[in-house]
Full PDB file with SEQRES, HELIX, SHEET, SSBOND, CRYST1, ORIGX, SCALE, CONECT and MASTER records, all heavy atoms in Angstrom:
SEQRES   1 A   38  SER THR GLU VAL GLU GLN VAL LEU GLN SER GLU ASP HIS          
SEQRES   2 A   38  LEU HIS LEU LEU GLN ARG PHE THR SER LEU ASN ALA ALA          
SEQRES   3 A   38  PRO PRO THR LYS ASP TRP THR GLN VAL THR VAL ARG              
HELIX    1 AA1 THR A    2  GLN A    9  1                                   8    
HELIX    2 AA2 HIS A   13  ASN A   24  1                                  12    
CRYST1    1.000    1.000    1.000  90.00  90.00  90.00 P 1           1          
ORIGX1      1.000000  0.000000  0.000000        0.00000                         
ORIGX2      0.000000  1.000000  0.000000        0.00000                         
ORIGX3      0.000000  0.000000  1.000000        0.00000                         
SCALE1      1.000000  0.000000  0.000000        0.00000                         
SCALE2      0.000000  1.000000  0.000000        0.00000                         
SCALE3      0.000000  0.000000  1.000000        0.00000                         
ATOM      1  N   SER A   1       3.998   2.367 -14.576  1.00  0.00           N  
ATOM      2  CA  SER A   1       4.371   3.752 -14.859  1.00  0.00           C  
ATOM      3  C   SER A   1       3.656   4.721 -13.928  1.00  0.00           C  
ATOM      4  O   SER A   1       4.246   5.699 -13.427  1.00  0.00           O  
ATOM      5  CB  SER A   1       4.031   4.084 -16.324  1.00  0.00           C  
ATOM      6  OG  SER A   1       4.263   5.446 -16.586  1.00  0.00           O  
ATOM      7  N   THR A   2       2.403   4.447 -13.656  1.00  0.00           N  
ATOM      8  CA  THR A   2       1.628   5.306 -12.753  1.00  0.00           C  
ATOM      9  C   THR A   2       2.200   5.263 -11.337  1.00  0.00           C  
ATOM     10  O   THR A   2       2.325   6.295 -10.653  1.00  0.00           O  
ATOM     11  CB  THR A   2       0.152   4.856 -12.750  1.00  0.00           C  
ATOM     12  OG1 THR A   2      -0.358   4.937 -14.075  1.00  0.00           O  
ATOM     13  CG2 THR A   2      -0.676   5.738 -11.843  1.00  0.00           C  
ATOM     14  N   GLU A   3       2.560   4.076 -10.888  1.00  0.00           N  
ATOM     15  CA  GLU A   3       3.118   3.936  -9.535  1.00  0.00           C  
ATOM     16  C   GLU A   3       4.451   4.673  -9.424  1.00  0.00           C  
ATOM     17  O   GLU A   3       4.737   5.349  -8.407  1.00  0.00           O  
ATOM     18  CB  GLU A   3       3.290   2.455  -9.194  1.00  0.00           C  
ATOM     19  CG  GLU A   3       1.969   1.717  -9.016  1.00  0.00           C  
ATOM     20  CD  GLU A   3       2.188   0.240  -8.730  1.00  0.00           C  
ATOM     21  OE1 GLU A   3       3.358  -0.223  -8.832  1.00  0.00           O  
ATOM     22  OE2 GLU A   3       1.198  -0.469  -8.438  1.00  0.00           O  
ATOM     23  N   VAL A   4       5.284   4.562 -10.473  1.00  0.00           N  
ATOM     24  CA  VAL A   4       6.584   5.243 -10.449  1.00  0.00           C  
ATOM     25  C   VAL A   4       6.386   6.759 -10.378  1.00  0.00           C  
ATOM     26  O   VAL A   4       7.066   7.484  -9.612  1.00  0.00           O  
ATOM     27  CB  VAL A   4       7.417   4.858 -11.684  1.00  0.00           C  
ATOM     28  CG1 VAL A   4       8.650   5.749 -11.808  1.00  0.00           C  
ATOM     29  CG2 VAL A   4       7.840   3.398 -11.589  1.00  0.00           C  
ATOM     30  N   GLU A   5       5.453   7.231 -11.158  1.00  0.00           N  
ATOM     31  CA  GLU A   5       5.190   8.672 -11.180  1.00  0.00           C  
ATOM     32  C   GLU A   5       4.702   9.170  -9.815  1.00  0.00           C  
ATOM     33  O   GLU A   5       5.106  10.252  -9.345  1.00  0.00           O  
ATOM     34  CB  GLU A   5       4.165   8.972 -12.266  1.00  0.00           C  
ATOM     35  CG  GLU A   5       3.915  10.460 -12.461  1.00  0.00           C  
ATOM     36  CD  GLU A   5       2.925  10.728 -13.575  1.00  0.00           C  
ATOM     37  OE1 GLU A   5       2.494   9.769 -14.285  1.00  0.00           O  
ATOM     38  OE2 GLU A   5       2.553  11.894 -13.768  1.00  0.00           O  
ATOM     39  N   GLN A   6       3.870   8.377  -9.193  1.00  0.00           N  
ATOM     40  CA  GLN A   6       3.340   8.765  -7.886  1.00  0.00           C  
ATOM     41  C   GLN A   6       4.456   8.831  -6.827  1.00  0.00           C  
ATOM     42  O   GLN A   6       4.509   9.738  -5.987  1.00  0.00           O  
ATOM     43  CB  GLN A   6       2.239   7.781  -7.438  1.00  0.00           C  
ATOM     44  CG  GLN A   6       0.967   7.905  -8.231  1.00  0.00           C  
ATOM     45  CD  GLN A   6      -0.059   6.847  -7.837  1.00  0.00           C  
ATOM     46  OE1 GLN A   6       0.265   5.907  -7.088  1.00  0.00           O  
ATOM     47  NE2 GLN A   6      -1.280   7.009  -8.337  1.00  0.00           N  
ATOM     48  N   VAL A   7       5.356   7.865  -6.856  1.00  0.00           N  
ATOM     49  CA  VAL A   7       6.461   7.835  -5.887  1.00  0.00           C  
ATOM     50  C   VAL A   7       7.393   9.040  -6.093  1.00  0.00           C  
ATOM     51  O   VAL A   7       7.879   9.675  -5.143  1.00  0.00           O  
ATOM     52  CB  VAL A   7       7.233   6.509  -5.973  1.00  0.00           C  
ATOM     53  CG1 VAL A   7       8.528   6.577  -5.164  1.00  0.00           C  
ATOM     54  CG2 VAL A   7       6.370   5.360  -5.498  1.00  0.00           C  
ATOM     55  N   LEU A   8       7.650   9.372  -7.353  1.00  0.00           N  
ATOM     56  CA  LEU A   8       8.546  10.474  -7.662  1.00  0.00           C  
ATOM     57  C   LEU A   8       7.967  11.814  -7.227  1.00  0.00           C  
ATOM     58  O   LEU A   8       8.696  12.754  -6.869  1.00  0.00           O  
ATOM     59  CB  LEU A   8       8.862  10.509  -9.156  1.00  0.00           C  
ATOM     60  CG  LEU A   8       9.770   9.382  -9.676  1.00  0.00           C  
ATOM     61  CD1 LEU A   8       9.876   9.446 -11.198  1.00  0.00           C  
ATOM     62  CD2 LEU A   8      11.156   9.455  -9.044  1.00  0.00           C  
ATOM     63  N   GLN A   9       6.676  11.911  -7.254  1.00  0.00           N  
ATOM     64  CA  GLN A   9       6.050  13.164  -6.878  1.00  0.00           C  
ATOM     65  C   GLN A   9       5.846  13.278  -5.363  1.00  0.00           C  
ATOM     66  O   GLN A   9       5.515  14.349  -4.842  1.00  0.00           O  
ATOM     67  CB  GLN A   9       4.690  13.297  -7.601  1.00  0.00           C  
ATOM     68  CG  GLN A   9       4.823  13.478  -9.103  1.00  0.00           C  
ATOM     69  CD  GLN A   9       3.470  13.529  -9.788  1.00  0.00           C  
ATOM     70  OE1 GLN A   9       2.430  13.373  -9.135  1.00  0.00           O  
ATOM     71  NE2 GLN A   9       3.498  13.760 -11.097  1.00  0.00           N  
ATOM     72  N   SER A  10       6.067  12.214  -4.647  1.00  0.00           N  
ATOM     73  CA  SER A  10       5.846  12.219  -3.191  1.00  0.00           C  
ATOM     74  C   SER A  10       7.058  12.858  -2.473  1.00  0.00           C  
ATOM     75  O   SER A  10       8.202  12.684  -2.889  1.00  0.00           O  
ATOM     76  CB  SER A  10       5.626  10.778  -2.681  1.00  0.00           C  
ATOM     77  OG  SER A  10       5.580  10.771  -1.269  1.00  0.00           O  
ATOM     78  N   GLU A  11       6.789  13.561  -1.373  1.00  0.00           N  
ATOM     79  CA  GLU A  11       7.838  14.167  -0.557  1.00  0.00           C  
ATOM     80  C   GLU A  11       8.284  13.238   0.574  1.00  0.00           C  
ATOM     81  O   GLU A  11       9.174  13.589   1.366  1.00  0.00           O  
ATOM     82  CB  GLU A  11       7.299  15.482   0.042  1.00  0.00           C  
ATOM     83  CG  GLU A  11       6.975  16.542  -1.012  1.00  0.00           C  
ATOM     84  CD  GLU A  11       8.220  17.021  -1.749  1.00  0.00           C  
ATOM     85  OE1 GLU A  11       9.322  16.946  -1.179  1.00  0.00           O  
ATOM     86  OE2 GLU A  11       8.081  17.442  -2.933  1.00  0.00           O  
ATOM     87  N   ASP A  12       7.639  12.050   0.541  1.00  0.00           N  
ATOM     88  CA  ASP A  12       7.949  11.087   1.604  1.00  0.00           C  
ATOM     89  C   ASP A  12       9.170  10.289   1.178  1.00  0.00           C  
ATOM     90  O   ASP A  12       9.084   9.355   0.374  1.00  0.00           O  
ATOM     91  CB  ASP A  12       6.734  10.184   1.826  1.00  0.00           C  
ATOM     92  CG  ASP A  12       6.940   9.259   3.033  1.00  0.00           C  
ATOM     93  OD1 ASP A  12       8.066   9.194   3.567  1.00  0.00           O  
ATOM     94  OD2 ASP A  12       5.952   8.575   3.388  1.00  0.00           O  
ATOM     95  N   HIS A  13      10.349  10.689   1.687  1.00  0.00           N  
ATOM     96  CA  HIS A  13      11.580  10.026   1.290  1.00  0.00           C  
ATOM     97  C   HIS A  13      11.625   8.566   1.710  1.00  0.00           C  
ATOM     98  O   HIS A  13      12.168   7.703   0.996  1.00  0.00           O  
ATOM     99  CB  HIS A  13      12.796  10.770   1.881  1.00  0.00           C  
ATOM    100  CG  HIS A  13      12.833  12.207   1.490  1.00  0.00           C  
ATOM    101  ND1 HIS A  13      12.955  12.650   0.191  1.00  0.00           N  
ATOM    102  CD2 HIS A  13      12.749  13.354   2.261  1.00  0.00           C  
ATOM    103  CE1 HIS A  13      12.964  13.972   0.138  1.00  0.00           C  
ATOM    104  NE2 HIS A  13      12.817  14.438   1.415  1.00  0.00           N  
ATOM    105  N   LEU A  14      11.075   8.291   2.870  1.00  0.00           N  
ATOM    106  CA  LEU A  14      11.068   6.919   3.360  1.00  0.00           C  
ATOM    107  C   LEU A  14      10.244   6.003   2.451  1.00  0.00           C  
ATOM    108  O   LEU A  14      10.634   4.860   2.168  1.00  0.00           O  
ATOM    109  CB  LEU A  14      10.501   6.887   4.803  1.00  0.00           C  
ATOM    110  CG  LEU A  14      10.448   5.493   5.462  1.00  0.00           C  
ATOM    111  CD1 LEU A  14      11.865   4.893   5.564  1.00  0.00           C  
ATOM    112  CD2 LEU A  14       9.796   5.562   6.830  1.00  0.00           C  
ATOM    113  N   HIS A  15       9.114   6.518   1.942  1.00  0.00           N  
ATOM    114  CA  HIS A  15       8.246   5.725   1.037  1.00  0.00           C  
ATOM    115  C   HIS A  15       8.977   5.403  -0.252  1.00  0.00           C  
ATOM    116  O   HIS A  15       8.876   4.291  -0.784  1.00  0.00           O  
ATOM    117  CB  HIS A  15       6.956   6.527   0.764  1.00  0.00           C  
ATOM    118  CG  HIS A  15       6.004   5.798  -0.160  1.00  0.00           C  
ATOM    119  ND1 HIS A  15       5.373   4.641   0.213  1.00  0.00           N  
ATOM    120  CD2 HIS A  15       5.601   6.070  -1.432  1.00  0.00           C  
ATOM    121  CE1 HIS A  15       4.619   4.226  -0.786  1.00  0.00           C  
ATOM    122  NE2 HIS A  15       4.746   5.120  -1.809  1.00  0.00           N  
ATOM    123  N   LEU A  16       9.746   6.343  -0.765  1.00  0.00           N  
ATOM    124  CA  LEU A  16      10.497   6.097  -2.015  1.00  0.00           C  
ATOM    125  C   LEU A  16      11.509   4.985  -1.804  1.00  0.00           C  
ATOM    126  O   LEU A  16      11.673   4.106  -2.664  1.00  0.00           O  
ATOM    127  CB  LEU A  16      11.190   7.380  -2.437  1.00  0.00           C  
ATOM    128  CG  LEU A  16      11.945   7.322  -3.783  1.00  0.00           C  
ATOM    129  CD1 LEU A  16      11.874   8.651  -4.514  1.00  0.00           C  
ATOM    130  CD2 LEU A  16      13.380   6.907  -3.606  1.00  0.00           C  
ATOM    131  N   LEU A  17      12.206   5.065  -0.643  1.00  0.00           N  
ATOM    132  CA  LEU A  17      13.208   4.032  -0.402  1.00  0.00           C  
ATOM    133  C   LEU A  17      12.568   2.648  -0.252  1.00  0.00           C  
ATOM    134  O   LEU A  17      13.138   1.631  -0.677  1.00  0.00           O  
ATOM    135  CB  LEU A  17      14.012   4.384   0.861  1.00  0.00           C  
ATOM    136  CG  LEU A  17      14.886   5.650   0.752  1.00  0.00           C  
ATOM    137  CD1 LEU A  17      15.484   6.001   2.115  1.00  0.00           C  
ATOM    138  CD2 LEU A  17      15.984   5.439  -0.287  1.00  0.00           C  
ATOM    139  N   GLN A  18      11.395   2.640   0.328  1.00  0.00           N  
ATOM    140  CA  GLN A  18      10.719   1.347   0.515  1.00  0.00           C  
ATOM    141  C   GLN A  18      10.224   0.744  -0.834  1.00  0.00           C  
ATOM    142  O   GLN A  18      10.250  -0.474  -1.014  1.00  0.00           O  
ATOM    143  CB  GLN A  18       9.524   1.534   1.469  1.00  0.00           C  
ATOM    144  CG  GLN A  18       9.954   1.829   2.891  1.00  0.00           C  
ATOM    145  CD  GLN A  18       8.784   2.123   3.789  1.00  0.00           C  
ATOM    146  OE1 GLN A  18       7.680   2.406   3.311  1.00  0.00           O  
ATOM    147  NE2 GLN A  18       9.002   2.052   5.116  1.00  0.00           N  
ATOM    148  N   ARG A  19       9.802   1.578  -1.758  1.00  0.00           N  
ATOM    149  CA  ARG A  19       9.247   1.082  -3.049  1.00  0.00           C  
ATOM    150  C   ARG A  19      10.294   0.957  -4.137  1.00  0.00           C  
ATOM    151  O   ARG A  19      10.002   0.433  -5.216  1.00  0.00           O  
ATOM    152  CB  ARG A  19       8.150   2.044  -3.539  1.00  0.00           C  
ATOM    153  CG  ARG A  19       6.954   2.142  -2.608  1.00  0.00           C  
ATOM    154  CD  ARG A  19       6.172   0.818  -2.592  1.00  0.00           C  
ATOM    155  NE  ARG A  19       5.841   0.310  -3.884  1.00  0.00           N  
ATOM    156  CZ  ARG A  19       4.765   0.675  -4.597  1.00  0.00           C  
ATOM    157  NH1 ARG A  19       3.927   1.547  -4.087  1.00  0.00           N  
ATOM    158  NH2 ARG A  19       4.536   0.164  -5.786  1.00  0.00           N  
ATOM    159  N   PHE A  20      11.452   1.456  -3.908  1.00  0.00           N  
ATOM    160  CA  PHE A  20      12.461   1.498  -4.966  1.00  0.00           C  
ATOM    161  C   PHE A  20      12.754   0.121  -5.549  1.00  0.00           C  
ATOM    162  O   PHE A  20      12.807  -0.077  -6.755  1.00  0.00           O  
ATOM    163  CB  PHE A  20      13.753   2.144  -4.417  1.00  0.00           C  
ATOM    164  CG  PHE A  20      14.871   2.098  -5.420  1.00  0.00           C  
ATOM    165  CD1 PHE A  20      14.930   3.009  -6.471  1.00  0.00           C  
ATOM    166  CD2 PHE A  20      15.885   1.119  -5.325  1.00  0.00           C  
ATOM    167  CE1 PHE A  20      15.960   2.943  -7.391  1.00  0.00           C  
ATOM    168  CE2 PHE A  20      16.904   1.068  -6.246  1.00  0.00           C  
ATOM    169  CZ  PHE A  20      16.950   1.977  -7.289  1.00  0.00           C  
ATOM    170  N   THR A  21      12.958  -0.831  -4.702  1.00  0.00           N  
ATOM    171  CA  THR A  21      13.365  -2.168  -5.171  1.00  0.00           C  
ATOM    172  C   THR A  21      12.294  -2.788  -6.088  1.00  0.00           C  
ATOM    173  O   THR A  21      12.594  -3.336  -7.151  1.00  0.00           O  
ATOM    174  CB  THR A  21      13.625  -3.097  -3.991  1.00  0.00           C  
ATOM    175  OG1 THR A  21      14.636  -2.510  -3.170  1.00  0.00           O  
ATOM    176  CG2 THR A  21      14.079  -4.470  -4.456  1.00  0.00           C  
ATOM    177  N   SER A  22      11.035  -2.724  -5.657  1.00  0.00           N  
ATOM    178  CA  SER A  22       9.958  -3.344  -6.452  1.00  0.00           C  
ATOM    179  C   SER A  22       9.679  -2.581  -7.755  1.00  0.00           C  
ATOM    180  O   SER A  22       9.418  -3.164  -8.791  1.00  0.00           O  
ATOM    181  CB  SER A  22       8.677  -3.429  -5.605  1.00  0.00           C  
ATOM    182  OG  SER A  22       8.259  -2.134  -5.208  1.00  0.00           O  
ATOM    183  N   LEU A  23       9.801  -1.234  -7.642  1.00  0.00           N  
ATOM    184  CA  LEU A  23       9.502  -0.452  -8.856  1.00  0.00           C  
ATOM    185  C   LEU A  23      10.652  -0.476  -9.854  1.00  0.00           C  
ATOM    186  O   LEU A  23      10.453  -0.352 -11.056  1.00  0.00           O  
ATOM    187  CB  LEU A  23       9.189   0.993  -8.473  1.00  0.00           C  
ATOM    188  CG  LEU A  23       7.882   1.208  -7.685  1.00  0.00           C  
ATOM    189  CD1 LEU A  23       7.738   2.666  -7.301  1.00  0.00           C  
ATOM    190  CD2 LEU A  23       6.662   0.757  -8.489  1.00  0.00           C  
ATOM    191  N   ASN A  24      11.863  -0.642  -9.415  1.00  0.00           N  
ATOM    192  CA  ASN A  24      13.007  -0.591 -10.306  1.00  0.00           C  
ATOM    193  C   ASN A  24      13.294  -1.939 -10.955  1.00  0.00           C  
ATOM    194  O   ASN A  24      14.096  -2.046 -11.873  1.00  0.00           O  
ATOM    195  CB  ASN A  24      14.248  -0.130  -9.532  1.00  0.00           C  
ATOM    196  CG  ASN A  24      15.347   0.300 -10.478  1.00  0.00           C  
ATOM    197  OD1 ASN A  24      15.097   0.972 -11.470  1.00  0.00           O  
ATOM    198  ND2 ASN A  24      16.568  -0.095 -10.187  1.00  0.00           N  
ATOM    199  N   ALA A  25      12.620  -3.021 -10.489  1.00  0.00           N  
ATOM    200  CA  ALA A  25      12.830  -4.350 -11.089  1.00  0.00           C  
ATOM    201  C   ALA A  25      12.230  -4.390 -12.507  1.00  0.00           C  
ATOM    202  O   ALA A  25      11.308  -3.652 -12.844  1.00  0.00           O  
ATOM    203  CB  ALA A  25      12.178  -5.408 -10.207  1.00  0.00           C  
ATOM    204  N   ALA A  26      12.791  -5.285 -13.312  1.00  0.00           N  
ATOM    205  CA  ALA A  26      12.297  -5.421 -14.699  1.00  0.00           C  
ATOM    206  C   ALA A  26      10.825  -5.844 -14.694  1.00  0.00           C  
ATOM    207  O   ALA A  26      10.453  -6.767 -13.966  1.00  0.00           O  
ATOM    208  CB  ALA A  26      13.132  -6.437 -15.452  1.00  0.00           C  
ATOM    209  N   PRO A  27      10.020  -5.253 -15.512  1.00  0.00           N  
ATOM    210  CA  PRO A  27       8.588  -5.604 -15.570  1.00  0.00           C  
ATOM    211  C   PRO A  27       8.395  -7.012 -16.139  1.00  0.00           C  
ATOM    212  O   PRO A  27       9.215  -7.485 -16.933  1.00  0.00           O  
ATOM    213  CB  PRO A  27       7.996  -4.546 -16.479  1.00  0.00           C  
ATOM    214  CG  PRO A  27       9.116  -4.076 -17.313  1.00  0.00           C  
ATOM    215  CD  PRO A  27      10.352  -4.175 -16.468  1.00  0.00           C  
ATOM    216  N   PRO A  28       7.342  -7.700 -15.739  1.00  0.00           N  
ATOM    217  CA  PRO A  28       7.081  -9.085 -16.228  1.00  0.00           C  
ATOM    218  C   PRO A  28       6.573  -9.076 -17.677  1.00  0.00           C  
ATOM    219  O   PRO A  28       5.378  -9.223 -17.931  1.00  0.00           O  
ATOM    220  CB  PRO A  28       6.018  -9.582 -15.251  1.00  0.00           C  
ATOM    221  CG  PRO A  28       5.300  -8.341 -14.824  1.00  0.00           C  
ATOM    222  CD  PRO A  28       6.318  -7.230 -14.798  1.00  0.00           C  
ATOM    223  N   THR A  29       7.442  -8.890 -18.630  1.00  0.00           N  
ATOM    224  CA  THR A  29       7.055  -8.812 -20.042  1.00  0.00           C  
ATOM    225  C   THR A  29       7.841  -9.815 -20.875  1.00  0.00           C  
ATOM    226  O   THR A  29       8.831 -10.391 -20.413  1.00  0.00           O  
ATOM    227  CB  THR A  29       7.304  -7.404 -20.595  1.00  0.00           C  
ATOM    228  OG1 THR A  29       8.693  -7.076 -20.420  1.00  0.00           O  
ATOM    229  CG2 THR A  29       6.434  -6.371 -19.892  1.00  0.00           C  
ATOM    230  N   LYS A  30       7.396  -9.968 -22.114  1.00  0.00           N  
ATOM    231  CA  LYS A  30       7.982 -10.929 -23.057  1.00  0.00           C  
ATOM    232  C   LYS A  30       8.871 -10.179 -24.039  1.00  0.00           C  
ATOM    233  O   LYS A  30       8.594  -9.040 -24.394  1.00  0.00           O  
ATOM    234  CB  LYS A  30       6.842 -11.644 -23.801  1.00  0.00           C  
ATOM    235  CG  LYS A  30       7.263 -12.683 -24.807  1.00  0.00           C  
ATOM    236  CD  LYS A  30       6.009 -13.318 -25.409  1.00  0.00           C  
ATOM    237  CE  LYS A  30       6.353 -14.351 -26.453  1.00  0.00           C  
ATOM    238  NZ  LYS A  30       5.129 -14.952 -27.040  1.00  0.00           N  
ATOM    239  N   ASP A  31       9.885 -10.872 -24.543  1.00  0.00           N  
ATOM    240  CA  ASP A  31      10.752 -10.283 -25.562  1.00  0.00           C  
ATOM    241  C   ASP A  31      10.076 -10.457 -26.933  1.00  0.00           C  
ATOM    242  O   ASP A  31      10.011 -11.558 -27.467  1.00  0.00           O  
ATOM    243  CB  ASP A  31      12.130 -10.953 -25.543  1.00  0.00           C  
ATOM    244  CG  ASP A  31      13.066 -10.312 -26.561  1.00  0.00           C  
ATOM    245  OD1 ASP A  31      12.685  -9.292 -27.162  1.00  0.00           O  
ATOM    246  OD2 ASP A  31      14.170 -10.865 -26.753  1.00  0.00           O  
ATOM    247  N   TRP A  32       9.598  -9.392 -27.482  1.00  0.00           N  
ATOM    248  CA  TRP A  32       8.827  -9.452 -28.735  1.00  0.00           C  
ATOM    249  C   TRP A  32       9.692  -9.193 -29.983  1.00  0.00           C  
ATOM    250  O   TRP A  32       9.153  -9.135 -31.087  1.00  0.00           O  
ATOM    251  CB  TRP A  32       7.692  -8.413 -28.687  1.00  0.00           C  
ATOM    252  CG  TRP A  32       6.633  -8.754 -27.671  1.00  0.00           C  
ATOM    253  CD1 TRP A  32       6.576  -8.310 -26.392  1.00  0.00           C  
ATOM    254  CD2 TRP A  32       5.531  -9.604 -27.878  1.00  0.00           C  
ATOM    255  NE1 TRP A  32       5.486  -8.822 -25.733  1.00  0.00           N  
ATOM    256  CE2 TRP A  32       4.814  -9.641 -26.648  1.00  0.00           C  
ATOM    257  CE3 TRP A  32       5.048 -10.367 -28.941  1.00  0.00           C  
ATOM    258  CZ2 TRP A  32       3.658 -10.401 -26.460  1.00  0.00           C  
ATOM    259  CZ3 TRP A  32       3.897 -11.111 -28.758  1.00  0.00           C  
ATOM    260  CH2 TRP A  32       3.212 -11.134 -27.532  1.00  0.00           C  
ATOM    261  N   THR A  33      10.937  -9.059 -29.816  1.00  0.00           N  
ATOM    262  CA  THR A  33      11.770  -8.704 -30.981  1.00  0.00           C  
ATOM    263  C   THR A  33      11.776  -9.781 -32.060  1.00  0.00           C  
ATOM    264  O   THR A  33      11.911  -9.501 -33.249  1.00  0.00           O  
ATOM    265  CB  THR A  33      13.219  -8.452 -30.512  1.00  0.00           C  
ATOM    266  OG1 THR A  33      13.705  -9.618 -29.827  1.00  0.00           O  
ATOM    267  CG2 THR A  33      13.296  -7.238 -29.586  1.00  0.00           C  
ATOM    268  N   GLN A  34      11.642 -11.029 -31.683  1.00  0.00           N  
ATOM    269  CA  GLN A  34      11.660 -12.131 -32.662  1.00  0.00           C  
ATOM    270  C   GLN A  34      10.271 -12.563 -33.108  1.00  0.00           C  
ATOM    271  O   GLN A  34      10.145 -13.464 -33.945  1.00  0.00           O  
ATOM    272  CB  GLN A  34      12.384 -13.337 -32.050  1.00  0.00           C  
ATOM    273  CG  GLN A  34      13.801 -13.044 -31.594  1.00  0.00           C  
ATOM    274  CD  GLN A  34      14.668 -12.592 -32.758  1.00  0.00           C  
ATOM    275  OE1 GLN A  34      14.563 -13.117 -33.870  1.00  0.00           O  
ATOM    276  NE2 GLN A  34      15.536 -11.605 -32.494  1.00  0.00           N  
ATOM    277  N   VAL A  35       9.274 -11.915 -32.520  1.00  0.00           N  
ATOM    278  CA  VAL A  35       7.890 -12.290 -32.886  1.00  0.00           C  
ATOM    279  C   VAL A  35       7.446 -11.472 -34.092  1.00  0.00           C  
ATOM    280  O   VAL A  35       7.494 -10.237 -34.061  1.00  0.00           O  
ATOM    281  CB  VAL A  35       6.929 -12.059 -31.708  1.00  0.00           C  
ATOM    282  CG1 VAL A  35       5.491 -12.369 -32.133  1.00  0.00           C  
ATOM    283  CG2 VAL A  35       7.342 -12.900 -30.522  1.00  0.00           C  
ATOM    284  N   THR A  36       7.039 -12.153 -35.154  1.00  0.00           N  
ATOM    285  CA  THR A  36       6.534 -11.499 -36.371  1.00  0.00           C  
ATOM    286  C   THR A  36       5.291 -12.221 -36.881  1.00  0.00           C  
ATOM    287  O   THR A  36       5.108 -13.428 -36.642  1.00  0.00           O  
ATOM    288  CB  THR A  36       7.596 -11.488 -37.487  1.00  0.00           C  
ATOM    289  OG1 THR A  36       7.944 -12.841 -37.786  1.00  0.00           O  
ATOM    290  CG2 THR A  36       8.824 -10.693 -37.069  1.00  0.00           C  
ATOM    291  N   VAL A  37       4.494 -11.512 -37.588  1.00  0.00           N  
ATOM    292  CA  VAL A  37       3.322 -12.084 -38.259  1.00  0.00           C  
ATOM    293  C   VAL A  37       3.472 -11.809 -39.756  1.00  0.00           C  
ATOM    294  O   VAL A  37       3.461 -10.649 -40.183  1.00  0.00           O  
ATOM    295  CB  VAL A  37       2.007 -11.468 -37.730  1.00  0.00           C  
ATOM    296  CG1 VAL A  37       0.813 -11.996 -38.551  1.00  0.00           C  
ATOM    297  CG2 VAL A  37       1.836 -11.777 -36.268  1.00  0.00           C  
ATOM    298  N   ARG A  38       3.659 -12.866 -40.499  1.00  0.00           N  
ATOM    299  CA  ARG A  38       3.864 -12.720 -41.942  1.00  0.00           C  
ATOM    300  C   ARG A  38       2.561 -13.035 -42.687  1.00  0.00           C  
ATOM    301  O   ARG A  38       2.008 -14.134 -42.555  1.00  0.00           O  
ATOM    302  CB  ARG A  38       4.956 -13.665 -42.415  1.00  0.00           C  
ATOM    303  CG  ARG A  38       6.323 -13.345 -41.834  1.00  0.00           C  
ATOM    304  CD  ARG A  38       7.359 -14.322 -42.331  1.00  0.00           C  
ATOM    305  NE  ARG A  38       8.670 -14.014 -41.759  1.00  0.00           N  
ATOM    306  CZ  ARG A  38       9.755 -14.752 -41.975  1.00  0.00           C  
ATOM    307  NH1 ARG A  38       9.648 -15.854 -42.739  1.00  0.00           N  
ATOM    308  NH2 ARG A  38      10.914 -14.407 -41.427  1.00  0.00           N  
TER     309      ARG A  38                                                      
MASTER        0    0    0    2    0    0    0    6  308    1    0    3          
END                                                                             
């Protein structure tokens, strides 16, 4: 989130285009919807 915010605030258009692919990819997280603790 911090990296995305920094890119959005930058006036360097070329830098945004270079980081777009890596920042827009799905984050390495787990699907927690089925995880419960009873």
